[in-house]
Amino acid sequence: MNVLGIDEAGRGPVIGPLIVAGVVIPDEKVQILERMGIKDSKRLTPTRRKVLSRKLRNMFEYETVEITARDIDNLRAKDVNLNEIEKIAMLQIIDKLDADCIIVDSVDVKPKRLEEEIKSISGNDNVISEHKADDKYMQVAAASIIAKYERDSIIEQLKKEYREIGEIGSGYPSDPKTKKFLENFSYNEMPEIVRKSWKTVENLKNQE
């Protein structure tokens, strides 16, 4: 059986894109993933993620969807929340990859609700939606590695592009370097890589 695992990287940051990734793993290859040391990307070093992501992309069918900061702001302005944005990306991946079973790391507080929605839209009755699926299923852990490495690569490129202005840090609102970087701009001057709809940035607007 071919199982499609789907996960994301970059829901919370104020800088950079949200990446959703899907990878199709045949059942008979799961033991290979175990031997490779596949696990939730957050439990791996950046170097290990890089190595494993390259191996996974060479070995299996995969798809990624990049949702830029500008895309996120535009959709949120139309009352499309982050869960819906991520769900749209998941469905795009499901549409592109053939699989007998789909396992997703649930973005819905009610995983079963998301499960039924994916079943209805995709026409695939074999769907599993769970919280922390990247800890429970190798296929989702593999997707998390691909997503996280792709986002990390984009952030590294952005750091080079903006280094004359300052360090962008991790891109997360709690990072002091990221906060300091944002203070270089007024609200209307924020570069396209910044999610202006995030509270961190709106608070800067209110301070002007």
N, C-alpha and C. Protein backbone atom coordinates (compact mmCIF):
# COMPACT_ATOMS: atom_id res chain seq x y z
N MET A 1 0.84 -1.20 0.00
CA MET A 1 0.00 0.00 0.00
C MET A 1 0.88 1.25 0.00
N ASN A 2 0.54 2.21 -0.84
CA ASN A 2 1.25 3.49 -0.88
C ASN A 2 0.58 4.49 0.05
N VAL A 3 1.35 5.01 1.00
CA VAL A 3 0.81 5.93 2.00
C VAL A 3 1.39 7.33 1.80
N LEU A 4 0.51 8.30 1.70
CA LEU A 4 0.91 9.71 1.56
C LEU A 4 0.90 10.38 2.92
N GLY A 5 2.06 10.81 3.38
CA GLY A 5 2.16 11.58 4.61
C GLY A 5 2.26 13.05 4.30
N ILE A 6 1.56 13.88 5.07
CA ILE A 6 1.57 15.34 4.82
C ILE A 6 1.84 16.08 6.12
N ASP A 7 2.73 17.06 6.06
CA ASP A 7 3.03 17.91 7.22
C ASP A 7 3.48 19.27 6.72
N GLU A 8 3.65 20.20 7.67
CA GLU A 8 4.02 21.56 7.30
C GLU A 8 5.21 22.05 8.12
N ALA A 9 5.76 23.17 7.70
CA ALA A 9 6.77 23.89 8.46
C ALA A 9 6.51 25.38 8.26
N GLY A 10 6.53 26.12 9.37
CA GLY A 10 6.42 27.58 9.26
C GLY A 10 5.04 28.15 9.50
N ARG A 11 4.24 27.51 10.35
CA ARG A 11 2.93 28.10 10.69
C ARG A 11 3.09 29.38 11.51
N GLY A 12 3.98 29.33 12.49
CA GLY A 12 4.05 30.41 13.47
C GLY A 12 4.90 31.61 13.15
N PRO A 13 5.93 31.49 12.30
CA PRO A 13 6.83 32.62 12.08
C PRO A 13 6.16 33.86 11.50
N VAL A 14 6.76 35.01 11.78
CA VAL A 14 6.28 36.27 11.23
C VAL A 14 7.01 36.58 9.92
N ILE A 15 8.12 35.89 9.69
CA ILE A 15 8.92 36.09 8.48
C ILE A 15 8.98 34.78 7.69
N GLY A 16 8.85 34.89 6.39
CA GLY A 16 9.03 33.74 5.51
C GLY A 16 7.75 32.96 5.23
N PRO A 17 7.87 31.95 4.37
CA PRO A 17 6.69 31.23 3.92
C PRO A 17 6.27 30.09 4.85
N LEU A 18 5.07 29.61 4.60
CA LEU A 18 4.58 28.35 5.16
C LEU A 18 4.79 27.31 4.07
N ILE A 19 5.43 26.21 4.42
CA ILE A 19 5.68 25.13 3.46
C ILE A 19 4.87 23.91 3.88
N VAL A 20 4.11 23.36 2.94
CA VAL A 20 3.40 22.10 3.18
C VAL A 20 4.00 21.06 2.24
N ALA A 21 4.33 19.90 2.78
CA ALA A 21 4.96 18.85 1.99
C ALA A 21 4.21 17.54 2.11
N GLY A 22 4.23 16.78 1.03
CA GLY A 22 3.65 15.44 1.04
C GLY A 22 4.62 14.48 0.38
N VAL A 23 4.73 13.28 0.93
CA VAL A 23 5.62 12.27 0.36
C VAL A 23 4.93 10.91 0.40
N VAL A 24 5.05 10.15 -0.69
CA VAL A 24 4.40 8.85 -0.80
C VAL A 24 5.40 7.75 -0.46
N ILE A 25 5.08 6.99 0.59
CA ILE A 25 5.96 5.92 1.04
C ILE A 25 5.24 4.57 0.93
N PRO A 26 5.74 3.66 0.10
CA PRO A 26 5.17 2.31 0.07
C PRO A 26 5.40 1.61 1.42
N ASP A 27 4.44 0.82 1.85
CA ASP A 27 4.55 0.12 3.14
C ASP A 27 5.87 -0.62 3.30
N GLU A 28 6.31 -1.27 2.21
CA GLU A 28 7.51 -2.11 2.31
C GLU A 28 8.79 -1.29 2.51
N LYS A 29 8.68 0.04 2.36
CA LYS A 29 9.86 0.90 2.53
C LYS A 29 9.95 1.54 3.92
N VAL A 30 8.94 1.31 4.76
CA VAL A 30 8.92 1.96 6.09
C VAL A 30 10.12 1.55 6.93
N GLN A 31 10.51 0.28 6.84
CA GLN A 31 11.68 -0.19 7.61
C GLN A 31 12.95 0.53 7.19
N ILE A 32 13.03 0.89 5.91
CA ILE A 32 14.19 1.65 5.42
C ILE A 32 14.22 3.02 6.11
N LEU A 33 13.04 3.65 6.25
CA LEU A 33 12.96 4.95 6.93
C LEU A 33 13.43 4.83 8.37
N GLU A 34 13.04 3.73 9.02
CA GLU A 34 13.46 3.51 10.41
C GLU A 34 14.98 3.42 10.50
N ARG A 35 15.57 2.69 9.55
CA ARG A 35 17.04 2.54 9.56
C ARG A 35 17.74 3.86 9.24
N MET A 36 17.09 4.69 8.45
CA MET A 36 17.66 6.01 8.12
C MET A 36 17.60 6.97 9.29
N GLY A 37 16.77 6.66 10.27
CA GLY A 37 16.62 7.55 11.44
C GLY A 37 15.61 8.65 11.22
N ILE A 38 14.59 8.36 10.40
CA ILE A 38 13.55 9.35 10.15
C ILE A 38 12.73 9.57 11.41
N LYS A 39 12.56 10.84 11.78
CA LYS A 39 11.72 11.21 12.93
C LYS A 39 11.25 12.64 12.71
N ASP A 40 10.35 13.10 13.56
CA ASP A 40 9.85 14.47 13.45
C ASP A 40 11.02 15.44 13.27
N SER A 41 10.90 16.32 12.29
CA SER A 41 12.02 17.21 11.92
C SER A 41 12.52 18.05 13.08
N LYS A 42 11.65 18.36 14.04
CA LYS A 42 12.05 19.20 15.18
C LYS A 42 13.06 18.47 16.08
N ARG A 43 13.13 17.16 15.92
CA ARG A 43 14.05 16.36 16.76
C ARG A 43 15.35 16.04 16.03
N LEU A 44 15.59 16.72 14.92
CA LEU A 44 16.81 16.51 14.13
C LEU A 44 17.61 17.80 14.02
N THR A 45 18.91 17.68 13.85
CA THR A 45 19.73 18.87 13.64
C THR A 45 19.54 19.37 12.21
N PRO A 46 19.82 20.65 11.93
CA PRO A 46 19.70 21.16 10.56
C PRO A 46 20.52 20.35 9.55
N THR A 47 21.72 19.92 9.94
CA THR A 47 22.56 19.13 9.03
C THR A 47 21.90 17.79 8.72
N ARG A 48 21.35 17.16 9.73
CA ARG A 48 20.69 15.86 9.53
C ARG A 48 19.45 16.02 8.66
N ARG A 49 18.70 17.09 8.90
CA ARG A 49 17.51 17.36 8.07
C ARG A 49 17.90 17.51 6.60
N LYS A 50 18.99 18.21 6.36
CA LYS A 50 19.47 18.43 4.99
C LYS A 50 19.79 17.10 4.31
N VAL A 51 20.53 16.25 4.99
CA VAL A 51 20.93 14.95 4.43
C VAL A 51 19.70 14.08 4.17
N LEU A 52 18.81 13.99 5.18
CA LEU A 52 17.63 13.13 5.05
C LEU A 52 16.65 13.65 4.01
N SER A 53 16.50 14.97 3.94
CA SER A 53 15.59 15.55 2.95
C SER A 53 16.03 15.20 1.54
N ARG A 54 17.32 15.32 1.29
CA ARG A 54 17.84 14.99 -0.04
C ARG A 54 17.62 13.51 -0.37
N LYS A 55 17.87 12.64 0.61
CA LYS A 55 17.67 11.21 0.40
C LYS A 55 16.20 10.91 0.11
N LEU A 56 15.31 11.48 0.90
CA LEU A 56 13.87 11.24 0.73
C LEU A 56 13.39 11.70 -0.65
N ARG A 57 13.87 12.87 -1.07
CA ARG A 57 13.42 13.41 -2.37
C ARG A 57 13.96 12.59 -3.54
N ASN A 58 15.10 11.94 -3.32
CA ASN A 58 15.65 11.07 -4.37
C ASN A 58 14.95 9.71 -4.41
N MET A 59 14.43 9.29 -3.27
CA MET A 59 13.87 7.93 -3.15
C MET A 59 12.38 7.85 -3.46
N PHE A 60 11.64 8.93 -3.16
CA PHE A 60 10.18 8.84 -3.20
C PHE A 60 9.54 10.00 -3.97
N GLU A 61 8.29 9.75 -4.38
CA GLU A 61 7.50 10.83 -4.99
C GLU A 61 7.11 11.82 -3.90
N TYR A 62 7.25 13.10 -4.19
CA TYR A 62 6.88 14.11 -3.19
C TYR A 62 6.40 15.38 -3.89
N GLU A 63 5.72 16.20 -3.14
CA GLU A 63 5.28 17.53 -3.61
C GLU A 63 5.41 18.50 -2.45
N THR A 64 5.74 19.75 -2.78
CA THR A 64 5.70 20.81 -1.76
C THR A 64 4.88 21.99 -2.29
N VAL A 65 4.25 22.68 -1.38
CA VAL A 65 3.52 23.91 -1.71
C VAL A 65 4.09 25.03 -0.84
N GLU A 66 4.53 26.10 -1.48
CA GLU A 66 5.04 27.27 -0.75
C GLU A 66 3.97 28.35 -0.72
N ILE A 67 3.60 28.75 0.49
CA ILE A 67 2.63 29.83 0.65
C ILE A 67 3.40 31.02 1.24
N THR A 68 3.60 32.04 0.44
CA THR A 68 4.45 33.16 0.85
C THR A 68 3.76 34.02 1.92
N ALA A 69 4.55 34.86 2.55
CA ALA A 69 4.01 35.78 3.55
C ALA A 69 2.92 36.66 2.93
N ARG A 70 3.15 37.11 1.70
CA ARG A 70 2.18 37.96 1.00
C ARG A 70 0.88 37.17 0.72
N ASP A 71 1.03 35.91 0.30
CA ASP A 71 -0.15 35.06 0.08
C ASP A 71 -0.97 34.92 1.36
N ILE A 72 -0.26 34.67 2.46
CA ILE A 72 -0.93 34.50 3.75
C ILE A 72 -1.70 35.76 4.13
N ASP A 73 -1.05 36.92 3.98
CA ASP A 73 -1.71 38.20 4.31
C ASP A 73 -2.93 38.43 3.44
N ASN A 74 -2.79 38.17 2.14
CA ASN A 74 -3.91 38.40 1.21
C ASN A 74 -5.09 37.49 1.53
N LEU A 75 -4.81 36.23 1.85
CA LEU A 75 -5.89 35.29 2.16
C LEU A 75 -6.55 35.63 3.50
N ARG A 76 -5.72 35.99 4.47
CA ARG A 76 -6.29 36.36 5.79
C ARG A 76 -7.15 37.63 5.68
N ALA A 77 -6.78 38.51 4.76
CA ALA A 77 -7.59 39.72 4.53
C ALA A 77 -8.98 39.37 3.98
N LYS A 78 -9.05 38.18 3.37
CA LYS A 78 -10.34 37.69 2.83
C LYS A 78 -11.02 36.72 3.81
N ASP A 79 -10.59 36.78 5.07
CA ASP A 79 -11.14 35.93 6.14
C ASP A 79 -10.88 34.44 5.93
N VAL A 80 -9.78 34.12 5.25
CA VAL A 80 -9.35 32.72 5.15
C VAL A 80 -8.30 32.51 6.23
N ASN A 81 -8.63 31.72 7.26
CA ASN A 81 -7.68 31.56 8.37
C ASN A 81 -6.55 30.60 8.01
N LEU A 82 -5.56 30.53 8.89
CA LEU A 82 -4.36 29.75 8.60
C LEU A 82 -4.67 28.26 8.43
N ASN A 83 -5.61 27.74 9.20
CA ASN A 83 -5.99 26.33 9.05
C ASN A 83 -6.54 26.06 7.66
N GLU A 84 -7.38 26.97 7.18
CA GLU A 84 -7.96 26.82 5.84
C GLU A 84 -6.88 26.94 4.76
N ILE A 85 -5.96 27.87 4.97
CA ILE A 85 -4.86 28.06 4.01
C ILE A 85 -4.04 26.77 3.89
N GLU A 86 -3.74 26.18 5.05
CA GLU A 86 -2.96 24.95 5.03
C GLU A 86 -3.76 23.79 4.43
N LYS A 87 -5.04 23.78 4.69
CA LYS A 87 -5.91 22.72 4.15
C LYS A 87 -5.95 22.78 2.62
N ILE A 88 -6.00 23.98 2.07
CA ILE A 88 -5.98 24.15 0.61
C ILE A 88 -4.71 23.54 0.03
N ALA A 89 -3.57 23.81 0.70
CA ALA A 89 -2.28 23.27 0.24
C ALA A 89 -2.27 21.75 0.34
N MET A 90 -2.81 21.21 1.43
CA MET A 90 -2.89 19.75 1.58
C MET A 90 -3.66 19.12 0.42
N LEU A 91 -4.79 19.73 0.09
CA LEU A 91 -5.63 19.19 -0.98
C LEU A 91 -4.94 19.28 -2.34
N GLN A 92 -4.14 20.33 -2.54
CA GLN A 92 -3.36 20.44 -3.78
C GLN A 92 -2.38 19.28 -3.90
N ILE A 93 -1.74 18.95 -2.79
CA ILE A 93 -0.77 17.85 -2.77
C ILE A 93 -1.48 16.51 -3.00
N ILE A 94 -2.61 16.31 -2.33
CA ILE A 94 -3.38 15.07 -2.49
C ILE A 94 -3.80 14.88 -3.94
N ASP A 95 -4.14 15.99 -4.59
CA ASP A 95 -4.57 15.95 -5.99
C ASP A 95 -3.44 15.54 -6.93
N LYS A 96 -2.20 15.87 -6.54
CA LYS A 96 -1.05 15.61 -7.43
C LYS A 96 -0.42 14.24 -7.22
N LEU A 97 -0.60 13.66 -6.05
CA LEU A 97 0.07 12.40 -5.73
C LEU A 97 -0.94 11.27 -5.56
N ASP A 98 -0.66 10.13 -6.17
CA ASP A 98 -1.53 8.96 -6.03
C ASP A 98 -1.14 8.18 -4.78
N ALA A 99 -2.12 7.87 -3.95
CA ALA A 99 -1.85 7.09 -2.75
C ALA A 99 -3.10 6.31 -2.34
N ASP A 100 -2.86 5.17 -1.70
CA ASP A 100 -3.98 4.36 -1.21
C ASP A 100 -4.51 4.88 0.12
N CYS A 101 -3.60 5.49 0.88
CA CYS A 101 -3.96 6.00 2.21
C CYS A 101 -3.31 7.37 2.39
N ILE A 102 -4.00 8.26 3.10
CA ILE A 102 -3.49 9.61 3.36
C ILE A 102 -3.42 9.81 4.87
N ILE A 103 -2.27 10.26 5.37
CA ILE A 103 -2.13 10.57 6.80
C ILE A 103 -1.67 12.02 6.92
N VAL A 104 -2.43 12.81 7.66
CA VAL A 104 -2.08 14.23 7.82
C VAL A 104 -1.91 14.59 9.29
N ASP A 105 -1.01 15.52 9.53
CA ASP A 105 -0.87 16.10 10.87
C ASP A 105 -1.97 17.15 10.97
N SER A 106 -2.96 16.88 11.83
CA SER A 106 -4.19 17.69 11.81
C SER A 106 -3.95 19.15 12.19
N VAL A 107 -4.52 20.04 11.38
CA VAL A 107 -4.50 21.48 11.67
C VAL A 107 -5.80 21.88 12.38
N ASP A 108 -6.74 20.96 12.43
CA ASP A 108 -8.04 21.23 13.04
C ASP A 108 -8.01 20.75 14.49
N VAL A 109 -8.61 21.52 15.39
CA VAL A 109 -8.69 21.08 16.79
C VAL A 109 -9.48 19.79 16.90
N LYS A 110 -10.34 19.55 15.92
CA LYS A 110 -11.09 18.30 15.85
C LYS A 110 -10.57 17.50 14.65
N PRO A 111 -9.59 16.63 14.87
CA PRO A 111 -8.98 15.90 13.75
C PRO A 111 -9.98 15.13 12.89
N LYS A 112 -11.00 14.57 13.51
CA LYS A 112 -11.99 13.78 12.75
C LYS A 112 -12.74 14.66 11.75
N ARG A 113 -12.95 15.91 12.10
CA ARG A 113 -13.63 16.84 11.19
C ARG A 113 -12.80 17.04 9.93
N LEU A 114 -11.50 17.24 10.11
CA LEU A 114 -10.60 17.39 8.97
C LEU A 114 -10.55 16.09 8.16
N GLU A 115 -10.51 14.99 8.87
CA GLU A 115 -10.49 13.67 8.21
C GLU A 115 -11.68 13.50 7.27
N GLU A 116 -12.87 13.81 7.77
CA GLU A 116 -14.09 13.65 6.97
C GLU A 116 -14.10 14.61 5.78
N GLU A 117 -13.57 15.82 6.00
CA GLU A 117 -13.52 16.82 4.92
C GLU A 117 -12.59 16.35 3.80
N ILE A 118 -11.42 15.83 4.18
CA ILE A 118 -10.48 15.34 3.17
C ILE A 118 -11.07 14.15 2.42
N LYS A 119 -11.71 13.25 3.15
CA LYS A 119 -12.37 12.10 2.50
C LYS A 119 -13.38 12.58 1.46
N SER A 120 -14.20 13.55 1.86
CA SER A 120 -15.27 14.05 0.99
C SER A 120 -14.71 14.71 -0.27
N ILE A 121 -13.67 15.54 -0.11
CA ILE A 121 -13.13 16.29 -1.25
C ILE A 121 -12.25 15.42 -2.14
N SER A 122 -11.44 14.55 -1.52
CA SER A 122 -10.48 13.75 -2.31
C SER A 122 -11.10 12.49 -2.90
N GLY A 123 -12.20 12.03 -2.30
CA GLY A 123 -12.80 10.78 -2.76
C GLY A 123 -12.06 9.55 -2.25
N ASN A 124 -11.09 9.76 -1.35
CA ASN A 124 -10.34 8.65 -0.75
C ASN A 124 -10.88 8.41 0.66
N ASP A 125 -11.41 7.21 0.90
CA ASP A 125 -12.00 6.90 2.21
C ASP A 125 -10.98 6.48 3.25
N ASN A 126 -9.73 6.30 2.81
CA ASN A 126 -8.68 5.84 3.72
C ASN A 126 -7.82 7.02 4.15
N VAL A 127 -8.35 7.81 5.09
CA VAL A 127 -7.66 9.03 5.55
C VAL A 127 -7.52 8.98 7.07
N ILE A 128 -6.34 9.33 7.54
CA ILE A 128 -6.09 9.43 8.98
C ILE A 128 -5.65 10.86 9.27
N SER A 129 -6.34 11.52 10.20
CA SER A 129 -5.97 12.87 10.62
C SER A 129 -5.79 12.84 12.14
N GLU A 130 -4.57 13.14 12.59
CA GLU A 130 -4.28 13.10 14.02
C GLU A 130 -3.35 14.25 14.41
N HIS A 131 -3.48 14.69 15.65
CA HIS A 131 -2.50 15.64 16.18
C HIS A 131 -1.20 14.88 16.44
N LYS A 132 -0.07 15.57 16.23
CA LYS A 132 1.27 15.00 16.44
C LYS A 132 1.48 13.74 15.60
N ALA A 133 0.89 13.72 14.42
CA ALA A 133 1.07 12.57 13.53
C ALA A 133 2.53 12.39 13.13
N ASP A 134 3.30 13.50 13.17
CA ASP A 134 4.72 13.40 12.80
C ASP A 134 5.52 12.60 13.82
N ASP A 135 4.97 12.43 15.03
CA ASP A 135 5.60 11.59 16.04
C ASP A 135 5.17 10.12 15.93
N LYS A 136 4.02 9.91 15.29
CA LYS A 136 3.42 8.56 15.28
C LYS A 136 3.64 7.80 13.97
N TYR A 137 3.77 8.53 12.87
CA TYR A 137 3.83 7.90 11.56
C TYR A 137 5.08 8.32 10.80
N MET A 138 5.83 7.33 10.35
CA MET A 138 7.07 7.60 9.59
C MET A 138 6.80 8.45 8.35
N GLN A 139 5.66 8.20 7.69
CA GLN A 139 5.36 8.91 6.45
C GLN A 139 5.19 10.41 6.70
N VAL A 140 4.57 10.75 7.83
CA VAL A 140 4.36 12.17 8.17
C VAL A 140 5.67 12.80 8.65
N ALA A 141 6.46 12.02 9.39
CA ALA A 141 7.78 12.51 9.82
C ALA A 141 8.64 12.83 8.60
N ALA A 142 8.58 11.96 7.58
CA ALA A 142 9.34 12.20 6.35
C ALA A 142 8.90 13.50 5.67
N ALA A 143 7.58 13.73 5.64
CA ALA A 143 7.05 14.97 5.06
C ALA A 143 7.50 16.18 5.86
N SER A 144 7.56 16.02 7.19
CA SER A 144 7.97 17.16 8.04
C SER A 144 9.42 17.54 7.76
N ILE A 145 10.25 16.55 7.47
CA ILE A 145 11.68 16.80 7.17
C ILE A 145 11.81 17.57 5.86
N ILE A 146 11.08 17.13 4.83
CA ILE A 146 11.12 17.80 3.53
C ILE A 146 10.64 19.25 3.66
N ALA A 147 9.53 19.44 4.39
CA ALA A 147 8.96 20.79 4.56
C ALA A 147 9.92 21.70 5.33
N LYS A 148 10.48 21.18 6.42
CA LYS A 148 11.34 22.00 7.27
C LYS A 148 12.64 22.35 6.54
N TYR A 149 13.21 21.40 5.82
CA TYR A 149 14.45 21.71 5.11
C TYR A 149 14.20 22.76 4.02
N GLU A 150 13.07 22.65 3.32
CA GLU A 150 12.78 23.63 2.27
C GLU A 150 12.61 25.03 2.87
N ARG A 151 11.90 25.12 4.00
CA ARG A 151 11.74 26.43 4.64
C ARG A 151 13.09 26.95 5.15
N ASP A 152 13.88 26.07 5.77
CA ASP A 152 15.20 26.47 6.26
C ASP A 152 16.06 27.04 5.13
N SER A 153 15.98 26.40 3.97
CA SER A 153 16.77 26.85 2.81
C SER A 153 16.34 28.24 2.35
N ILE A 154 15.03 28.48 2.36
CA ILE A 154 14.50 29.79 1.97
C ILE A 154 14.94 30.85 2.98
N ILE A 155 14.87 30.52 4.26
CA ILE A 155 15.27 31.47 5.31
C ILE A 155 16.76 31.80 5.19
N GLU A 156 17.58 30.81 4.88
CA GLU A 156 19.02 31.05 4.71
C GLU A 156 19.27 32.02 3.56
N GLN A 157 18.51 31.87 2.49
CA GLN A 157 18.64 32.77 1.34
C GLN A 157 18.20 34.19 1.72
N LEU A 158 17.11 34.29 2.47
CA LEU A 158 16.62 35.60 2.91
C LEU A 158 17.63 36.29 3.83
N LYS A 159 18.29 35.51 4.66
CA LYS A 159 19.32 36.08 5.55
C LYS A 159 20.43 36.75 4.74
N LYS A 160 20.80 36.13 3.62
CA LYS A 160 21.83 36.71 2.76
C LYS A 160 21.33 37.99 2.09
N GLU A 161 20.09 37.95 1.63
CA GLU A 161 19.51 39.10 0.92
C GLU A 161 19.35 40.33 1.82
N TYR A 162 19.07 40.10 3.11
CA TYR A 162 18.76 41.21 4.02
C TYR A 162 19.86 41.50 5.04
N ARG A 163 21.03 40.88 4.86
CA ARG A 163 22.06 41.02 5.89
C ARG A 163 22.55 42.44 6.08
N GLU A 164 22.44 43.27 5.04
CA GLU A 164 22.89 44.67 5.18
C GLU A 164 21.95 45.46 6.09
N ILE A 165 20.71 45.02 6.16
CA ILE A 165 19.73 45.70 7.04
C ILE A 165 19.87 45.19 8.46
N GLY A 166 20.09 43.89 8.59
CA GLY A 166 20.22 43.29 9.93
C GLY A 166 19.93 41.80 9.88
N GLU A 167 20.14 41.15 11.01
CA GLU A 167 19.88 39.71 11.09
C GLU A 167 18.38 39.47 11.23
N ILE A 168 17.84 38.54 10.42
CA ILE A 168 16.40 38.26 10.54
C ILE A 168 16.13 37.18 11.57
N GLY A 169 17.20 36.51 12.03
CA GLY A 169 17.01 35.48 13.05
C GLY A 169 16.23 34.30 12.51
N SER A 170 15.47 33.66 13.37
CA SER A 170 14.72 32.46 12.99
C SER A 170 13.43 32.81 12.24
N GLY A 171 13.00 34.06 12.39
CA GLY A 171 11.73 34.46 11.78
C GLY A 171 10.55 34.33 12.72
N TYR A 172 10.80 33.76 13.91
CA TYR A 172 9.71 33.59 14.89
C TYR A 172 9.55 34.86 15.74
N PRO A 173 8.31 35.22 16.09
CA PRO A 173 8.06 36.47 16.82
C PRO A 173 8.80 36.56 18.15
N SER A 174 9.11 35.41 18.76
CA SER A 174 9.77 35.43 20.08
C SER A 174 11.28 35.63 19.99
N ASP A 175 11.83 35.57 18.78
CA ASP A 175 13.28 35.70 18.58
C ASP A 175 13.68 37.17 18.66
N PRO A 176 14.57 37.53 19.61
CA PRO A 176 15.01 38.93 19.75
C PRO A 176 15.60 39.51 18.45
N LYS A 177 16.33 38.68 17.70
CA LYS A 177 16.91 39.15 16.43
C LYS A 177 15.81 39.50 15.43
N THR A 178 14.78 38.67 15.39
CA THR A 178 13.66 38.91 14.47
C THR A 178 12.93 40.20 14.87
N LYS A 179 12.70 40.36 16.16
CA LYS A 179 12.04 41.59 16.66
C LYS A 179 12.83 42.83 16.26
N LYS A 180 14.15 42.76 16.46
CA LYS A 180 15.02 43.90 16.14
C LYS A 180 14.99 44.20 14.65
N PHE A 181 14.97 43.14 13.82
CA PHE A 181 14.91 43.31 12.37
C PHE A 181 13.64 44.05 11.97
N LEU A 182 12.52 43.67 12.55
CA LEU A 182 11.23 44.29 12.21
C LEU A 182 11.19 45.77 12.58
N GLU A 183 11.94 46.12 13.61
CA GLU A 183 11.96 47.53 14.07
C GLU A 183 12.66 48.46 13.08
N ASN A 184 13.31 47.88 12.06
CA ASN A 184 13.95 48.70 11.02
C ASN A 184 12.94 49.34 10.07
N PHE A 185 11.69 48.89 10.15
CA PHE A 185 10.68 49.32 9.18
C PHE A 185 9.44 49.88 9.87
N SER A 186 8.80 50.83 9.18
CA SER A 186 7.46 51.21 9.61
C SER A 186 6.52 50.13 9.06
N TYR A 187 5.28 50.12 9.52
CA TYR A 187 4.32 49.09 9.09
C TYR A 187 4.20 49.06 7.57
N ASN A 188 4.08 50.24 6.96
CA ASN A 188 3.88 50.30 5.50
C ASN A 188 5.15 49.98 4.70
N GLU A 189 6.29 50.02 5.38
CA GLU A 189 7.56 49.73 4.69
C GLU A 189 7.99 48.27 4.81
N MET A 190 7.22 47.47 5.55
CA MET A 190 7.61 46.08 5.77
C MET A 190 7.85 45.36 4.45
N PRO A 191 8.98 44.64 4.34
CA PRO A 191 9.24 43.89 3.10
C PRO A 191 8.24 42.76 2.91
N GLU A 192 8.17 42.24 1.68
CA GLU A 192 7.19 41.20 1.34
C GLU A 192 7.39 39.91 2.10
N ILE A 193 8.56 39.71 2.68
CA ILE A 193 8.83 38.47 3.40
C ILE A 193 8.17 38.46 4.78
N VAL A 194 7.62 39.60 5.20
CA VAL A 194 7.02 39.74 6.53
C VAL A 194 5.50 39.55 6.45
N ARG A 195 4.96 38.78 7.39
CA ARG A 195 3.51 38.60 7.48
C ARG A 195 2.92 39.77 8.26
N LYS A 196 2.42 40.73 7.52
CA LYS A 196 1.93 41.97 8.15
C LYS A 196 0.65 41.74 8.97
N SER A 197 -0.01 40.61 8.72
CA SER A 197 -1.25 40.32 9.45
C SER A 197 -0.97 39.68 10.81
N TRP A 198 0.31 39.44 11.13
CA TRP A 198 0.65 38.87 12.44
C TRP A 198 0.59 39.95 13.52
N LYS A 199 0.17 39.58 14.69
CA LYS A 199 0.02 40.53 15.80
C LYS A 199 1.31 41.29 16.10
N THR A 200 2.44 40.59 15.99
CA THR A 200 3.75 41.22 16.25
C THR A 200 3.93 42.47 15.40
N VAL A 201 3.53 42.39 14.13
CA VAL A 201 3.70 43.51 13.21
C VAL A 201 2.60 44.55 13.42
N GLU A 202 1.38 44.08 13.67
CA GLU A 202 0.29 45.02 13.92
C GLU A 202 0.55 45.85 15.17
N ASN A 203 1.22 45.25 16.16
CA ASN A 203 1.58 45.99 17.38
C ASN A 203 2.56 47.11 17.06
N LEU A 204 3.48 46.85 16.13
CA LEU A 204 4.42 47.91 15.71
C LEU A 204 3.67 49.06 15.05
N LYS A 205 2.63 48.70 14.28
CA LYS A 205 1.82 49.71 13.61
C LYS A 205 1.13 50.60 14.64
N ASN A 206 0.64 49.96 15.70
CA ASN A 206 -0.06 50.72 16.74
C ASN A 206 0.85 51.63 17.53
N GLN A 207 2.16 51.29 17.53
CA GLN A 207 3.14 52.11 18.26
C GLN A 207 3.60 53.32 17.47
N GLU A 208 3.30 53.34 16.17
CA GLU A 208 3.78 54.44 15.31
C GLU A 208 3.03 55.74 15.62
